All heavy atoms as atom14 arrays in JSON, in Angstrom:
{
  "sequence": "LDINVAKMREGFVSYLPVGIVFALLMLAVMVYVVGPVGPDVMGT",
  "atom14_mask": [
    [1, 1, 1, 1, 1, 1, 1, 1, 0, 0, 0, 0, 0, 0],
    [1, 1, 1, 1, 1, 1, 1, 1, 0, 0, 0, 0, 0, 0],
    [1, 1, 1, 1, 1, 1, 1, 1, 0, 0, 0, 0, 0, 0],
    [1, 1, 1, 1, 1, 1, 1, 1, 0, 0, 0, 0, 0, 0],
    [1, 1, 1, 1, 1, 1, 1, 0, 0, 0, 0, 0, 0, 0],
    [1, 1, 1, 1, 1, 0, 0, 0, 0, 0, 0, 0, 0, 0],
    [1, 1, 1, 1, 1, 1, 1, 1, 1, 0, 0, 0, 0, 0],
    [1, 1, 1, 1, 1, 1, 1, 1, 0, 0, 0, 0, 0, 0],
    [1, 1, 1, 1, 1, 1, 1, 1, 1, 1, 1, 0, 0, 0],
    [1, 1, 1, 1, 1, 1, 1, 1, 1, 0, 0, 0, 0, 0],
    [1, 1, 1, 1, 0, 0, 0, 0, 0, 0, 0, 0, 0, 0],
    [1, 1, 1, 1, 1, 1, 1, 1, 1, 1, 1, 0, 0, 0],
    [1, 1, 1, 1, 1, 1, 1, 0, 0, 0, 0, 0, 0, 0],
    [1, 1, 1, 1, 1, 1, 0, 0, 0, 0, 0, 0, 0, 0],
    [1, 1, 1, 1, 1, 1, 1, 1, 1, 1, 1, 1, 0, 0],
    [1, 1, 1, 1, 1, 1, 1, 1, 0, 0, 0, 0, 0, 0],
    [1, 1, 1, 1, 1, 1, 1, 0, 0, 0, 0, 0, 0, 0],
    [1, 1, 1, 1, 1, 1, 1, 0, 0, 0, 0, 0, 0, 0],
    [1, 1, 1, 1, 0, 0, 0, 0, 0, 0, 0, 0, 0, 0],
    [1, 1, 1, 1, 1, 1, 1, 1, 0, 0, 0, 0, 0, 0],
    [1, 1, 1, 1, 1, 1, 1, 0, 0, 0, 0, 0, 0, 0],
    [1, 1, 1, 1, 1, 1, 1, 1, 1, 1, 1, 0, 0, 0],
    [1, 1, 1, 1, 1, 0, 0, 0, 0, 0, 0, 0, 0, 0],
    [1, 1, 1, 1, 1, 1, 1, 1, 0, 0, 0, 0, 0, 0],
    [1, 1, 1, 1, 1, 1, 1, 1, 0, 0, 0, 0, 0, 0],
    [1, 1, 1, 1, 1, 1, 1, 1, 0, 0, 0, 0, 0, 0],
    [1, 1, 1, 1, 1, 1, 1, 1, 0, 0, 0, 0, 0, 0],
    [1, 1, 1, 1, 1, 0, 0, 0, 0, 0, 0, 0, 0, 0],
    [1, 1, 1, 1, 1, 1, 1, 0, 0, 0, 0, 0, 0, 0],
    [1, 1, 1, 1, 1, 1, 1, 1, 0, 0, 0, 0, 0, 0],
    [1, 1, 1, 1, 1, 1, 1, 0, 0, 0, 0, 0, 0, 0],
    [1, 1, 1, 1, 1, 1, 1, 1, 1, 1, 1, 1, 0, 0],
    [1, 1, 1, 1, 1, 1, 1, 0, 0, 0, 0, 0, 0, 0],
    [1, 1, 1, 1, 1, 1, 1, 0, 0, 0, 0, 0, 0, 0],
    [1, 1, 1, 1, 0, 0, 0, 0, 0, 0, 0, 0, 0, 0],
    [1, 1, 1, 1, 1, 1, 1, 0, 0, 0, 0, 0, 0, 0],
    [1, 1, 1, 1, 1, 1, 1, 0, 0, 0, 0, 0, 0, 0],
    [1, 1, 1, 1, 0, 0, 0, 0, 0, 0, 0, 0, 0, 0],
    [1, 1, 1, 1, 1, 1, 1, 0, 0, 0, 0, 0, 0, 0],
    [1, 1, 1, 1, 1, 1, 1, 1, 0, 0, 0, 0, 0, 0],
    [1, 1, 1, 1, 1, 1, 1, 0, 0, 0, 0, 0, 0, 0],
    [1, 1, 1, 1, 1, 1, 1, 1, 0, 0, 0, 0, 0, 0],
    [1, 1, 1, 1, 0, 0, 0, 0, 0, 0, 0, 0, 0, 0],
    [1, 1, 1, 1, 1, 1, 1, 0, 0, 0, 0, 0, 0, 0]
  ],
  "atom14_positions": [
    [[10.88, 8.6, 51.66], [11.82, 8.75, 52.82], [13.08, 7.97, 52.65], [14.13, 8.1, 53.34], [11.17, 8.21, 54.12], [10.13, 9.22, 54.64], [9.46, 8.65, 55.9], [10.81, 10.57, 55.0], [0.0, 0.0, 0.0], [0.0, 0.0, 0.0], [0.0, 0.0, 0.0], [0.0, 0.0, 0.0], [0.0, 0.0, 0.0], [0.0, 0.0, 0.0]],
    [[13.03, 6.99, 51.74], [14.14, 6.13, 51.43], [14.72, 5.46, 52.76], [15.75, 5.62, 53.26], [15.4, 6.9, 50.81], [16.37, 5.95, 50.25], [16.13, 4.81, 50.08], [17.55, 6.5, 49.95], [0.0, 0.0, 0.0], [0.0, 0.0, 0.0], [0.0, 0.0, 0.0], [0.0, 0.0, 0.0], [0.0, 0.0, 0.0], [0.0, 0.0, 0.0]],
    [[13.72, 4.68, 53.4], [14.02, 4.05, 54.64], [15.12, 2.99, 54.54], [14.97, 2.11, 53.63], [12.74, 3.5, 55.27], [11.75, 4.7, 55.44], [13.07, 2.86, 56.58], [10.45, 4.13, 55.93], [0.0, 0.0, 0.0], [0.0, 0.0, 0.0], [0.0, 0.0, 0.0], [0.0, 0.0, 0.0], [0.0, 0.0, 0.0], [0.0, 0.0, 0.0]],
    [[16.06, 2.99, 55.44], [17.07, 1.9, 55.51], [16.51, 0.8, 56.31], [16.49, 0.83, 57.57], [18.37, 2.49, 56.08], [19.52, 1.45, 55.99], [19.24, 0.3, 55.6], [20.62, 1.88, 56.28], [0.0, 0.0, 0.0], [0.0, 0.0, 0.0], [0.0, 0.0, 0.0], [0.0, 0.0, 0.0], [0.0, 0.0, 0.0], [0.0, 0.0, 0.0]],
    [[16.0, -0.2, 55.73], [15.25, -1.29, 56.44], [16.14, -2.08, 57.39], [15.88, -2.45, 58.5], [14.59, -2.28, 55.34], [13.85, -3.35, 56.16], [13.65, -1.51, 54.52], [0.0, 0.0, 0.0], [0.0, 0.0, 0.0], [0.0, 0.0, 0.0], [0.0, 0.0, 0.0], [0.0, 0.0, 0.0], [0.0, 0.0, 0.0], [0.0, 0.0, 0.0]],
    [[17.38, -2.25, 56.93], [18.41, -3.07, 57.68], [18.73, -2.38, 58.93], [18.81, -2.97, 60.15], [19.63, -3.34, 56.82], [0.0, 0.0, 0.0], [0.0, 0.0, 0.0], [0.0, 0.0, 0.0], [0.0, 0.0, 0.0], [0.0, 0.0, 0.0], [0.0, 0.0, 0.0], [0.0, 0.0, 0.0], [0.0, 0.0, 0.0], [0.0, 0.0, 0.0]],
    [[18.91, -1.14, 58.93], [19.24, -0.29, 60.12], [18.05, -0.17, 61.01], [18.21, -0.16, 62.2], [19.74, 1.09, 59.62], [20.22, 1.98, 60.84], [20.83, 3.26, 60.31], [21.18, 4.13, 61.51], [21.71, 5.48, 61.04], [0.0, 0.0, 0.0], [0.0, 0.0, 0.0], [0.0, 0.0, 0.0], [0.0, 0.0, 0.0], [0.0, 0.0, 0.0]],
    [[16.88, -0.1, 60.48], [15.62, -0.07, 61.22], [15.37, -1.26, 62.02], [14.74, -1.2, 63.06], [14.5, 0.29, 60.28], [13.12, 0.58, 61.06], [11.85, 0.98, 59.88], [11.8, -0.55, 58.97], [0.0, 0.0, 0.0], [0.0, 0.0, 0.0], [0.0, 0.0, 0.0], [0.0, 0.0, 0.0], [0.0, 0.0, 0.0], [0.0, 0.0, 0.0]],
    [[15.79, -2.43, 61.43], [15.53, -3.74, 62.07], [16.61, -4.16, 63.13], [16.49, -5.2, 63.8], [15.48, -4.77, 61.05], [14.27, -4.68, 60.11], [13.05, -5.16, 60.79], [11.9, -5.15, 59.93], [10.67, -5.54, 60.26], [10.51, -6.12, 61.51], [9.7, -5.43, 59.53], [0.0, 0.0, 0.0], [0.0, 0.0, 0.0], [0.0, 0.0, 0.0]],
    [[17.61, -3.28, 63.26], [18.72, -3.64, 64.22], [18.25, -3.79, 65.71], [18.59, -4.56, 66.37], [19.92, -2.6, 64.1], [20.69, -2.71, 62.76], [21.74, -1.69, 62.72], [21.81, -0.79, 63.65], [22.55, -1.71, 61.76], [0.0, 0.0, 0.0], [0.0, 0.0, 0.0], [0.0, 0.0, 0.0], [0.0, 0.0, 0.0], [0.0, 0.0, 0.0]],
    [[17.41, -2.8, 66.1], [16.9, -2.85, 67.52], [15.56, -3.5, 67.74], [14.9, -3.28, 68.7], [0.0, 0.0, 0.0], [0.0, 0.0, 0.0], [0.0, 0.0, 0.0], [0.0, 0.0, 0.0], [0.0, 0.0, 0.0], [0.0, 0.0, 0.0], [0.0, 0.0, 0.0], [0.0, 0.0, 0.0], [0.0, 0.0, 0.0], [0.0, 0.0, 0.0]],
    [[15.2, -4.35, 66.72], [13.88, -4.97, 66.74], [13.78, -5.97, 67.9], [12.82, -6.05, 68.64], [13.51, -5.63, 65.49], [12.24, -6.44, 65.47], [11.13, -5.74, 65.28], [12.23, -7.73, 65.54], [9.89, -6.32, 65.33], [10.96, -8.43, 65.54], [9.82, -7.75, 65.41], [0.0, 0.0, 0.0], [0.0, 0.0, 0.0], [0.0, 0.0, 0.0]],
    [[14.88, -6.72, 68.23], [14.83, -7.79, 69.17], [14.81, -7.18, 70.53], [14.11, -7.7, 71.51], [16.05, -8.65, 68.98], [16.06, -9.85, 70.05], [16.07, -9.31, 67.62], [0.0, 0.0, 0.0], [0.0, 0.0, 0.0], [0.0, 0.0, 0.0], [0.0, 0.0, 0.0], [0.0, 0.0, 0.0], [0.0, 0.0, 0.0], [0.0, 0.0, 0.0]],
    [[15.47, -5.98, 70.68], [15.53, -5.46, 72.14], [14.12, -4.92, 72.49], [13.74, -4.89, 73.71], [16.49, -4.28, 72.04], [16.05, -3.23, 71.17], [0.0, 0.0, 0.0], [0.0, 0.0, 0.0], [0.0, 0.0, 0.0], [0.0, 0.0, 0.0], [0.0, 0.0, 0.0], [0.0, 0.0, 0.0], [0.0, 0.0, 0.0], [0.0, 0.0, 0.0]],
    [[13.21, -4.51, 71.52], [11.89, -4.05, 71.8], [10.89, -5.11, 71.79], [9.7, -4.93, 72.06], [11.51, -2.87, 70.81], [12.26, -1.67, 71.0], [13.35, -1.3, 70.06], [12.13, -0.81, 72.04], [14.08, -0.26, 70.12], [12.88, 0.31, 72.07], [13.78, 0.66, 71.23], [14.61, 1.77, 71.21], [0.0, 0.0, 0.0], [0.0, 0.0, 0.0]],
    [[11.27, -6.39, 71.45], [10.32, -7.45, 71.4], [9.65, -7.8, 72.67], [8.39, -8.01, 72.62], [11.01, -8.66, 70.73], [10.14, -9.89, 70.4], [9.09, -9.53, 69.36], [11.03, -11.08, 69.87], [0.0, 0.0, 0.0], [0.0, 0.0, 0.0], [0.0, 0.0, 0.0], [0.0, 0.0, 0.0], [0.0, 0.0, 0.0], [0.0, 0.0, 0.0]],
    [[10.28, -7.88, 73.84], [9.58, -8.14, 75.04], [8.5, -7.17, 75.36], [7.38, -7.54, 75.83], [10.62, -8.23, 76.1], [11.93, -8.5, 75.34], [11.82, -7.78, 74.07], [0.0, 0.0, 0.0], [0.0, 0.0, 0.0], [0.0, 0.0, 0.0], [0.0, 0.0, 0.0], [0.0, 0.0, 0.0], [0.0, 0.0, 0.0], [0.0, 0.0, 0.0]],
    [[8.77, -5.88, 75.12], [7.79, -4.87, 75.51], [6.62, -5.02, 74.54], [5.41, -4.91, 74.96], [8.48, -3.4, 75.28], [7.42, -2.33, 75.6], [9.65, -3.36, 76.26], [0.0, 0.0, 0.0], [0.0, 0.0, 0.0], [0.0, 0.0, 0.0], [0.0, 0.0, 0.0], [0.0, 0.0, 0.0], [0.0, 0.0, 0.0], [0.0, 0.0, 0.0]],
    [[6.89, -5.25, 73.23], [5.76, -5.44, 72.29], [4.88, -6.7, 72.61], [3.66, -6.62, 72.48], [0.0, 0.0, 0.0], [0.0, 0.0, 0.0], [0.0, 0.0, 0.0], [0.0, 0.0, 0.0], [0.0, 0.0, 0.0], [0.0, 0.0, 0.0], [0.0, 0.0, 0.0], [0.0, 0.0, 0.0], [0.0, 0.0, 0.0], [0.0, 0.0, 0.0]],
    [[5.55, -7.76, 73.13], [4.79, -8.99, 73.54], [3.85, -8.56, 74.74], [2.76, -9.03, 74.81], [5.71, -10.11, 73.85], [6.39, -10.57, 72.63], [4.98, -11.28, 74.44], [7.42, -11.67, 72.72], [0.0, 0.0, 0.0], [0.0, 0.0, 0.0], [0.0, 0.0, 0.0], [0.0, 0.0, 0.0], [0.0, 0.0, 0.0], [0.0, 0.0, 0.0]],
    [[4.42, -7.87, 75.75], [3.58, -7.55, 76.87], [2.37, -6.71, 76.47], [1.25, -6.92, 77.01], [4.49, -6.78, 77.88], [3.67, -6.17, 79.05], [5.56, -7.66, 78.49], [0.0, 0.0, 0.0], [0.0, 0.0, 0.0], [0.0, 0.0, 0.0], [0.0, 0.0, 0.0], [0.0, 0.0, 0.0], [0.0, 0.0, 0.0], [0.0, 0.0, 0.0]],
    [[2.54, -5.66, 75.65], [1.45, -4.9, 75.3], [0.38, -5.72, 74.4], [-0.76, -5.48, 74.5], [1.97, -3.65, 74.51], [2.42, -2.49, 75.29], [3.72, -2.34, 75.63], [1.5, -1.62, 75.78], [4.14, -1.28, 76.41], [1.91, -0.56, 76.61], [3.22, -0.44, 77.02], [0.0, 0.0, 0.0], [0.0, 0.0, 0.0], [0.0, 0.0, 0.0]],
    [[0.95, -6.63, 73.53], [0.09, -7.44, 72.79], [-0.79, -8.33, 73.66], [-2.12, -8.48, 73.46], [0.85, -8.31, 71.79], [0.0, 0.0, 0.0], [0.0, 0.0, 0.0], [0.0, 0.0, 0.0], [0.0, 0.0, 0.0], [0.0, 0.0, 0.0], [0.0, 0.0, 0.0], [0.0, 0.0, 0.0], [0.0, 0.0, 0.0], [0.0, 0.0, 0.0]],
    [[-0.17, -8.85, 74.77], [-0.93, -9.73, 75.69], [-1.99, -8.91, 76.47], [-3.09, -9.34, 76.72], [0.02, -10.35, 76.65], [0.89, -11.49, 76.03], [1.85, -12.01, 77.09], [0.08, -12.59, 75.46], [0.0, 0.0, 0.0], [0.0, 0.0, 0.0], [0.0, 0.0, 0.0], [0.0, 0.0, 0.0], [0.0, 0.0, 0.0], [0.0, 0.0, 0.0]],
    [[-1.66, -7.65, 76.8], [-2.69, -6.75, 77.49], [-3.8, -6.47, 76.53], [-4.95, -6.47, 77.08], [-1.94, -5.51, 77.98], [-0.95, -5.64, 79.08], [-0.15, -4.3, 79.44], [-1.71, -6.15, 80.37], [0.0, 0.0, 0.0], [0.0, 0.0, 0.0], [0.0, 0.0, 0.0], [0.0, 0.0, 0.0], [0.0, 0.0, 0.0], [0.0, 0.0, 0.0]],
    [[-3.53, -6.15, 75.35], [-4.59, -5.88, 74.46], [-5.51, -7.12, 74.21], [-6.73, -7.01, 74.09], [-4.04, -5.38, 73.13], [-3.37, -4.02, 73.17], [-2.72, -3.52, 71.59], [-4.18, -3.58, 70.55], [0.0, 0.0, 0.0], [0.0, 0.0, 0.0], [0.0, 0.0, 0.0], [0.0, 0.0, 0.0], [0.0, 0.0, 0.0], [0.0, 0.0, 0.0]],
    [[-4.83, -8.23, 74.15], [-5.64, -9.49, 73.93], [-6.47, -9.78, 75.16], [-7.65, -10.23, 75.01], [-4.71, -10.68, 73.63], [-5.32, -12.03, 73.53], [-6.23, -11.95, 72.25], [-4.3, -13.09, 73.35], [0.0, 0.0, 0.0], [0.0, 0.0, 0.0], [0.0, 0.0, 0.0], [0.0, 0.0, 0.0], [0.0, 0.0, 0.0], [0.0, 0.0, 0.0]],
    [[-5.98, -9.46, 76.35], [-6.79, -9.68, 77.54], [-8.0, -8.71, 77.65], [-9.08, -9.16, 78.01], [-5.89, -9.5, 78.82], [0.0, 0.0, 0.0], [0.0, 0.0, 0.0], [0.0, 0.0, 0.0], [0.0, 0.0, 0.0], [0.0, 0.0, 0.0], [0.0, 0.0, 0.0], [0.0, 0.0, 0.0], [0.0, 0.0, 0.0], [0.0, 0.0, 0.0]],
    [[-7.71, -7.58, 77.13], [-8.92, -6.47, 77.24], [-9.92, -7.01, 76.17], [-11.1, -6.95, 76.49], [-8.34, -5.15, 76.89], [-9.51, -4.15, 76.67], [-7.51, -4.62, 78.04], [0.0, 0.0, 0.0], [0.0, 0.0, 0.0], [0.0, 0.0, 0.0], [0.0, 0.0, 0.0], [0.0, 0.0, 0.0], [0.0, 0.0, 0.0], [0.0, 0.0, 0.0]],
    [[-9.52, -7.41, 75.06], [-10.43, -7.86, 74.02], [-11.25, -9.03, 74.43], [-12.45, -9.2, 74.21], [-9.75, -8.09, 72.74], [-9.13, -7.0, 72.08], [-8.11, -7.32, 70.59], [-9.28, -8.18, 69.47], [0.0, 0.0, 0.0], [0.0, 0.0, 0.0], [0.0, 0.0, 0.0], [0.0, 0.0, 0.0], [0.0, 0.0, 0.0], [0.0, 0.0, 0.0]],
    [[-10.6, -10.01, 75.1], [-11.28, -11.19, 75.68], [-12.29, -10.77, 76.74], [-13.37, -11.33, 76.81], [-10.27, -12.22, 76.13], [-11.0, -13.35, 76.88], [-9.41, -12.8, 74.99], [0.0, 0.0, 0.0], [0.0, 0.0, 0.0], [0.0, 0.0, 0.0], [0.0, 0.0, 0.0], [0.0, 0.0, 0.0], [0.0, 0.0, 0.0], [0.0, 0.0, 0.0]],
    [[-11.87, -9.82, 77.57], [-12.76, -9.39, 78.65], [-14.02, -8.72, 78.1], [-15.1, -8.89, 78.6], [-12.02, -8.41, 79.62], [-12.88, -7.81, 80.68], [-13.34, -8.57, 81.73], [-13.26, -6.45, 80.58], [-14.11, -7.96, 82.57], [-13.99, -5.87, 81.5], [-14.51, -6.64, 82.5], [-15.32, -6.07, 83.5], [0.0, 0.0, 0.0], [0.0, 0.0, 0.0]],
    [[-13.83, -7.85, 77.09], [-15.01, -7.13, 76.48], [-15.94, -8.02, 75.68], [-17.1, -7.96, 75.81], [-14.5, -5.94, 75.64], [-15.59, -5.25, 74.93], [-13.66, -4.97, 76.49], [0.0, 0.0, 0.0], [0.0, 0.0, 0.0], [0.0, 0.0, 0.0], [0.0, 0.0, 0.0], [0.0, 0.0, 0.0], [0.0, 0.0, 0.0], [0.0, 0.0, 0.0]],
    [[-15.22, -8.92, 74.85], [-16.04, -9.74, 73.86], [-16.5, -11.02, 74.61], [-17.56, -11.58, 74.23], [-15.34, -9.91, 72.69], [-16.15, -10.72, 71.59], [-14.91, -8.64, 71.96], [0.0, 0.0, 0.0], [0.0, 0.0, 0.0], [0.0, 0.0, 0.0], [0.0, 0.0, 0.0], [0.0, 0.0, 0.0], [0.0, 0.0, 0.0], [0.0, 0.0, 0.0]],
    [[-15.7, -11.55, 75.51], [-15.9, -12.8, 76.08], [-17.18, -12.9, 76.99], [-17.81, -11.92, 77.23], [0.0, 0.0, 0.0], [0.0, 0.0, 0.0], [0.0, 0.0, 0.0], [0.0, 0.0, 0.0], [0.0, 0.0, 0.0], [0.0, 0.0, 0.0], [0.0, 0.0, 0.0], [0.0, 0.0, 0.0], [0.0, 0.0, 0.0], [0.0, 0.0, 0.0]],
    [[-17.5, -14.13, 77.38], [-18.72, -14.3, 78.32], [-18.59, -13.72, 79.71], [-19.56, -13.33, 80.25], [-18.87, -15.78, 78.3], [-17.41, -16.28, 78.04], [-16.81, -15.36, 77.13], [0.0, 0.0, 0.0], [0.0, 0.0, 0.0], [0.0, 0.0, 0.0], [0.0, 0.0, 0.0], [0.0, 0.0, 0.0], [0.0, 0.0, 0.0], [0.0, 0.0, 0.0]],
    [[-17.28, -13.45, 80.16], [-17.19, -12.95, 81.53], [-17.28, -11.43, 81.59], [-17.51, -10.85, 82.55], [-15.9, -13.39, 82.18], [-16.01, -14.43, 83.15], [-14.84, -13.61, 81.11], [0.0, 0.0, 0.0], [0.0, 0.0, 0.0], [0.0, 0.0, 0.0], [0.0, 0.0, 0.0], [0.0, 0.0, 0.0], [0.0, 0.0, 0.0], [0.0, 0.0, 0.0]],
    [[-17.01, -10.76, 80.4], [-17.04, -9.33, 80.37], [-18.46, -8.72, 80.31], [-19.43, -9.36, 80.38], [0.0, 0.0, 0.0], [0.0, 0.0, 0.0], [0.0, 0.0, 0.0], [0.0, 0.0, 0.0], [0.0, 0.0, 0.0], [0.0, 0.0, 0.0], [0.0, 0.0, 0.0], [0.0, 0.0, 0.0], [0.0, 0.0, 0.0], [0.0, 0.0, 0.0]],
    [[-18.5, -7.38, 80.29], [-19.73, -6.68, 80.16], [-20.44, -6.92, 78.92], [-19.9, -7.28, 77.91], [-19.32, -5.26, 80.17], [-17.91, -5.2, 79.79], [-17.28, -6.5, 80.22], [0.0, 0.0, 0.0], [0.0, 0.0, 0.0], [0.0, 0.0, 0.0], [0.0, 0.0, 0.0], [0.0, 0.0, 0.0], [0.0, 0.0, 0.0], [0.0, 0.0, 0.0]],
    [[-21.72, -7.0, 78.94], [-22.61, -7.23, 77.76], [-22.67, -6.08, 76.93], [-23.67, -5.33, 76.76], [-23.97, -7.68, 78.23], [-24.8, -8.26, 77.08], [-24.25, -8.5, 75.97], [-25.98, -8.61, 77.26], [0.0, 0.0, 0.0], [0.0, 0.0, 0.0], [0.0, 0.0, 0.0], [0.0, 0.0, 0.0], [0.0, 0.0, 0.0], [0.0, 0.0, 0.0]],
    [[-21.51, -5.78, 76.14], [-21.5, -4.64, 75.24], [-22.3, -4.77, 74.05], [-23.17, -3.95, 73.68], [-19.98, -4.31, 74.93], [-19.88, -3.04, 74.04], [-19.16, -4.11, 76.19], [0.0, 0.0, 0.0], [0.0, 0.0, 0.0], [0.0, 0.0, 0.0], [0.0, 0.0, 0.0], [0.0, 0.0, 0.0], [0.0, 0.0, 0.0], [0.0, 0.0, 0.0]],
    [[-22.04, -5.84, 73.32], [-22.73, -6.14, 72.13], [-23.44, -7.55, 72.16], [-23.5, -8.22, 71.23], [-21.91, -6.11, 70.91], [-21.42, -4.69, 70.55], [-22.66, -3.53, 70.11], [-23.24, -4.27, 68.52], [0.0, 0.0, 0.0], [0.0, 0.0, 0.0], [0.0, 0.0, 0.0], [0.0, 0.0, 0.0], [0.0, 0.0, 0.0], [0.0, 0.0, 0.0]],
    [[-23.95, -7.82, 73.41], [-24.41, -9.19, 73.54], [-25.94, -9.25, 73.32], [-26.48, -8.56, 72.42], [0.0, 0.0, 0.0], [0.0, 0.0, 0.0], [0.0, 0.0, 0.0], [0.0, 0.0, 0.0], [0.0, 0.0, 0.0], [0.0, 0.0, 0.0], [0.0, 0.0, 0.0], [0.0, 0.0, 0.0], [0.0, 0.0, 0.0], [0.0, 0.0, 0.0]],
    [[-26.69, -10.23, 74.01], [-28.16, -10.38, 73.68], [-28.99, -9.23, 73.98], [-29.91, -8.95, 73.28], [-28.6, -11.64, 74.43], [-28.25, -11.4, 75.83], [-27.81, -12.85, 73.97], [0.0, 0.0, 0.0], [0.0, 0.0, 0.0], [0.0, 0.0, 0.0], [0.0, 0.0, 0.0], [0.0, 0.0, 0.0], [0.0, 0.0, 0.0], [0.0, 0.0, 0.0]]
  ]
}
């Protein structure tokens, strides 16, 4: 594809807040599923 990395990285900062929000949501879901408060999916 001969990707232009410099041009691709131009709008990276503008999308950073949205990426952080989704990352925190995924982290919260993982903590809920795996953690002690969540459902016993793979527990005892």
